[in-house]
Amino acid sequence: MTDRTLRGLVIVLNTVGLLGFLGWLMLSRERILYTQEGVLYLLPCLPFFFVFFYVFKPKDPDEEE
């Protein structure tokens, strides 16, 4: 697998995972934003964003390819 293919696969899997988790929250019929512990339901979204930040970070010009 090339680097570009692997990056694309990670982006697709990460997007599907994030949308699946948010869809699961949406279909649970619970009003999570109206409770004090509602933010705890959204904490598992953070790792998805860290993966996006890592994949889309600009390349360092000094980095050898």
N, C-alpha and C. Protein backbone atom coordinates (compact mmCIF):
# COMPACT_ATOMS: atom_id res chain seq x y z
N MET A 1 0.84 -1.18 0.00
CA MET A 1 0.00 0.00 0.00
C MET A 1 0.88 1.24 0.00
N THR A 2 0.49 2.17 -0.78
CA THR A 2 1.23 3.42 -0.81
C THR A 2 0.77 4.32 0.33
N ASP A 3 1.56 5.34 0.55
CA ASP A 3 1.24 6.29 1.63
C ASP A 3 -0.08 6.99 1.37
N ARG A 4 -0.32 7.33 0.12
CA ARG A 4 -1.54 8.04 -0.23
C ARG A 4 -2.77 7.15 -0.04
N THR A 5 -2.67 5.89 -0.42
CA THR A 5 -3.78 4.95 -0.25
C THR A 5 -4.07 4.72 1.23
N LEU A 6 -3.02 4.59 2.01
CA LEU A 6 -3.19 4.37 3.45
C LEU A 6 -3.84 5.58 4.11
N ARG A 7 -3.43 6.78 3.72
CA ARG A 7 -4.04 7.99 4.26
C ARG A 7 -5.52 8.06 3.91
N GLY A 8 -5.85 7.72 2.67
CA GLY A 8 -7.25 7.73 2.24
C GLY A 8 -8.08 6.73 3.02
N LEU A 9 -7.51 5.55 3.25
CA LEU A 9 -8.21 4.52 4.01
C LEU A 9 -8.45 4.97 5.46
N VAL A 10 -7.45 5.59 6.07
CA VAL A 10 -7.60 6.09 7.44
C VAL A 10 -8.66 7.18 7.50
N ILE A 11 -8.67 8.07 6.52
CA ILE A 11 -9.66 9.15 6.50
C ILE A 11 -11.07 8.58 6.36
N VAL A 12 -11.24 7.62 5.46
CA VAL A 12 -12.57 7.03 5.25
C VAL A 12 -13.03 6.28 6.50
N LEU A 13 -12.17 5.46 7.08
CA LEU A 13 -12.56 4.70 8.28
C LEU A 13 -12.85 5.63 9.45
N ASN A 14 -12.07 6.68 9.60
CA ASN A 14 -12.28 7.63 10.69
C ASN A 14 -13.60 8.38 10.50
N THR A 15 -13.89 8.77 9.28
CA THR A 15 -15.14 9.48 9.00
C THR A 15 -16.35 8.58 9.24
N VAL A 16 -16.27 7.33 8.78
CA VAL A 16 -17.37 6.39 8.99
C VAL A 16 -17.56 6.13 10.49
N GLY A 17 -16.47 5.99 11.22
CA GLY A 17 -16.57 5.76 12.66
C GLY A 17 -17.20 6.94 13.39
N LEU A 18 -16.77 8.14 13.04
CA LEU A 18 -17.32 9.34 13.69
C LEU A 18 -18.80 9.51 13.37
N LEU A 19 -19.16 9.34 12.10
CA LEU A 19 -20.56 9.47 11.73
C LEU A 19 -21.41 8.36 12.34
N GLY A 20 -20.85 7.17 12.43
CA GLY A 20 -21.57 6.07 13.06
C GLY A 20 -21.83 6.33 14.54
N PHE A 21 -20.82 6.85 15.23
CA PHE A 21 -20.98 7.16 16.65
C PHE A 21 -22.01 8.28 16.85
N LEU A 22 -21.92 9.33 16.04
CA LEU A 22 -22.88 10.42 16.17
C LEU A 22 -24.28 9.98 15.79
N GLY A 23 -24.39 9.10 14.81
CA GLY A 23 -25.70 8.54 14.46
C GLY A 23 -26.27 7.70 15.58
N TRP A 24 -25.42 6.92 16.22
CA TRP A 24 -25.86 6.11 17.35
C TRP A 24 -26.36 7.01 18.49
N LEU A 25 -25.65 8.10 18.74
CA LEU A 25 -26.10 9.04 19.77
C LEU A 25 -27.44 9.66 19.38
N MET A 26 -27.58 9.99 18.11
CA MET A 26 -28.80 10.64 17.65
C MET A 26 -30.00 9.69 17.73
N LEU A 27 -29.78 8.42 17.44
CA LEU A 27 -30.88 7.46 17.44
C LEU A 27 -31.20 6.90 18.82
N SER A 28 -30.39 7.25 19.82
CA SER A 28 -30.64 6.73 21.16
C SER A 28 -31.85 7.39 21.82
N ARG A 29 -32.36 8.44 21.23
CA ARG A 29 -33.56 9.14 21.72
C ARG A 29 -33.37 9.72 23.12
N GLU A 30 -32.15 9.95 23.51
CA GLU A 30 -31.88 10.54 24.81
C GLU A 30 -31.49 12.00 24.60
N ARG A 31 -31.95 12.86 25.43
CA ARG A 31 -31.63 14.29 25.29
C ARG A 31 -30.34 14.57 26.06
N ILE A 32 -29.21 14.28 25.42
CA ILE A 32 -27.93 14.32 26.13
C ILE A 32 -27.47 15.73 26.44
N LEU A 33 -27.87 16.71 25.67
CA LEU A 33 -27.40 18.06 25.92
C LEU A 33 -28.19 18.77 27.01
N TYR A 34 -29.21 18.12 27.53
CA TYR A 34 -30.01 18.71 28.60
C TYR A 34 -29.66 18.16 29.97
N THR A 35 -28.66 17.27 30.04
CA THR A 35 -28.25 16.71 31.32
C THR A 35 -26.83 17.15 31.63
N GLN A 36 -26.46 17.06 32.90
CA GLN A 36 -25.11 17.46 33.28
C GLN A 36 -24.06 16.52 32.72
N GLU A 37 -24.36 15.25 32.64
CA GLU A 37 -23.37 14.31 32.13
C GLU A 37 -23.44 14.15 30.60
N GLY A 38 -24.14 15.04 29.93
CA GLY A 38 -24.25 14.97 28.48
C GLY A 38 -22.92 15.13 27.77
N VAL A 39 -22.03 15.91 28.35
CA VAL A 39 -20.72 16.09 27.72
C VAL A 39 -19.92 14.79 27.73
N LEU A 40 -20.20 13.92 28.68
CA LEU A 40 -19.49 12.64 28.73
C LEU A 40 -19.83 11.76 27.54
N TYR A 41 -21.02 11.93 26.99
CA TYR A 41 -21.40 11.18 25.79
C TYR A 41 -20.60 11.64 24.57
N LEU A 42 -20.19 12.90 24.58
CA LEU A 42 -19.47 13.45 23.43
C LEU A 42 -17.95 13.30 23.53
N LEU A 43 -17.43 12.93 24.69
CA LEU A 43 -15.99 12.76 24.84
C LEU A 43 -15.37 11.73 23.90
N PRO A 44 -16.02 10.63 23.58
CA PRO A 44 -15.42 9.69 22.63
C PRO A 44 -15.21 10.25 21.23
N CYS A 45 -15.75 11.42 20.93
CA CYS A 45 -15.51 12.05 19.62
C CYS A 45 -14.10 12.63 19.52
N LEU A 46 -13.48 12.93 20.64
CA LEU A 46 -12.16 13.56 20.62
C LEU A 46 -11.09 12.76 19.88
N PRO A 47 -10.98 11.44 20.10
CA PRO A 47 -9.94 10.71 19.35
C PRO A 47 -10.13 10.79 17.84
N PHE A 48 -11.37 10.85 17.37
CA PHE A 48 -11.59 10.99 15.93
C PHE A 48 -10.99 12.30 15.42
N PHE A 49 -11.15 13.38 16.18
CA PHE A 49 -10.60 14.67 15.76
C PHE A 49 -9.08 14.67 15.82
N PHE A 50 -8.50 13.99 16.80
CA PHE A 50 -7.04 13.91 16.85
C PHE A 50 -6.48 13.17 15.64
N VAL A 51 -7.18 12.15 15.19
CA VAL A 51 -6.74 11.43 13.99
C VAL A 51 -6.84 12.35 12.77
N PHE A 52 -7.93 13.11 12.65
CA PHE A 52 -8.05 14.05 11.55
C PHE A 52 -6.94 15.10 11.59
N PHE A 53 -6.63 15.63 12.77
CA PHE A 53 -5.58 16.63 12.88
C PHE A 53 -4.23 16.06 12.48
N TYR A 54 -3.98 14.80 12.85
CA TYR A 54 -2.70 14.17 12.52
C TYR A 54 -2.59 13.92 11.01
N VAL A 55 -3.67 13.45 10.41
CA VAL A 55 -3.63 13.12 8.98
C VAL A 55 -3.52 14.37 8.12
N PHE A 56 -4.19 15.45 8.53
CA PHE A 56 -4.21 16.66 7.71
C PHE A 56 -3.17 17.70 8.11
N LYS A 57 -2.23 17.35 9.01
CA LYS A 57 -1.23 18.33 9.39
C LYS A 57 -0.31 18.62 8.20
N PRO A 58 0.17 19.86 8.09
CA PRO A 58 1.07 20.18 6.97
C PRO A 58 2.40 19.46 7.11
N LYS A 59 2.95 19.07 5.98
CA LYS A 59 4.23 18.38 6.02
C LYS A 59 5.35 19.36 6.31
N ASP A 60 6.31 18.90 7.09
CA ASP A 60 7.47 19.71 7.42
C ASP A 60 8.39 19.75 6.20
N PRO A 61 8.81 20.93 5.74
CA PRO A 61 9.67 20.99 4.55
C PRO A 61 11.04 20.34 4.75
N ASP A 62 11.48 20.24 6.00
CA ASP A 62 12.79 19.62 6.27
C ASP A 62 12.70 18.10 6.30
N GLU A 63 11.50 17.57 6.29
CA GLU A 63 11.33 16.13 6.37
C GLU A 63 11.74 15.48 5.04
N GLU A 64 12.59 14.46 5.16
CA GLU A 64 13.05 13.77 3.96
C GLU A 64 12.03 12.73 3.55
N GLU A 65 11.85 12.58 2.23
CA GLU A 65 10.89 11.58 1.74
C GLU A 65 11.63 10.42 1.15
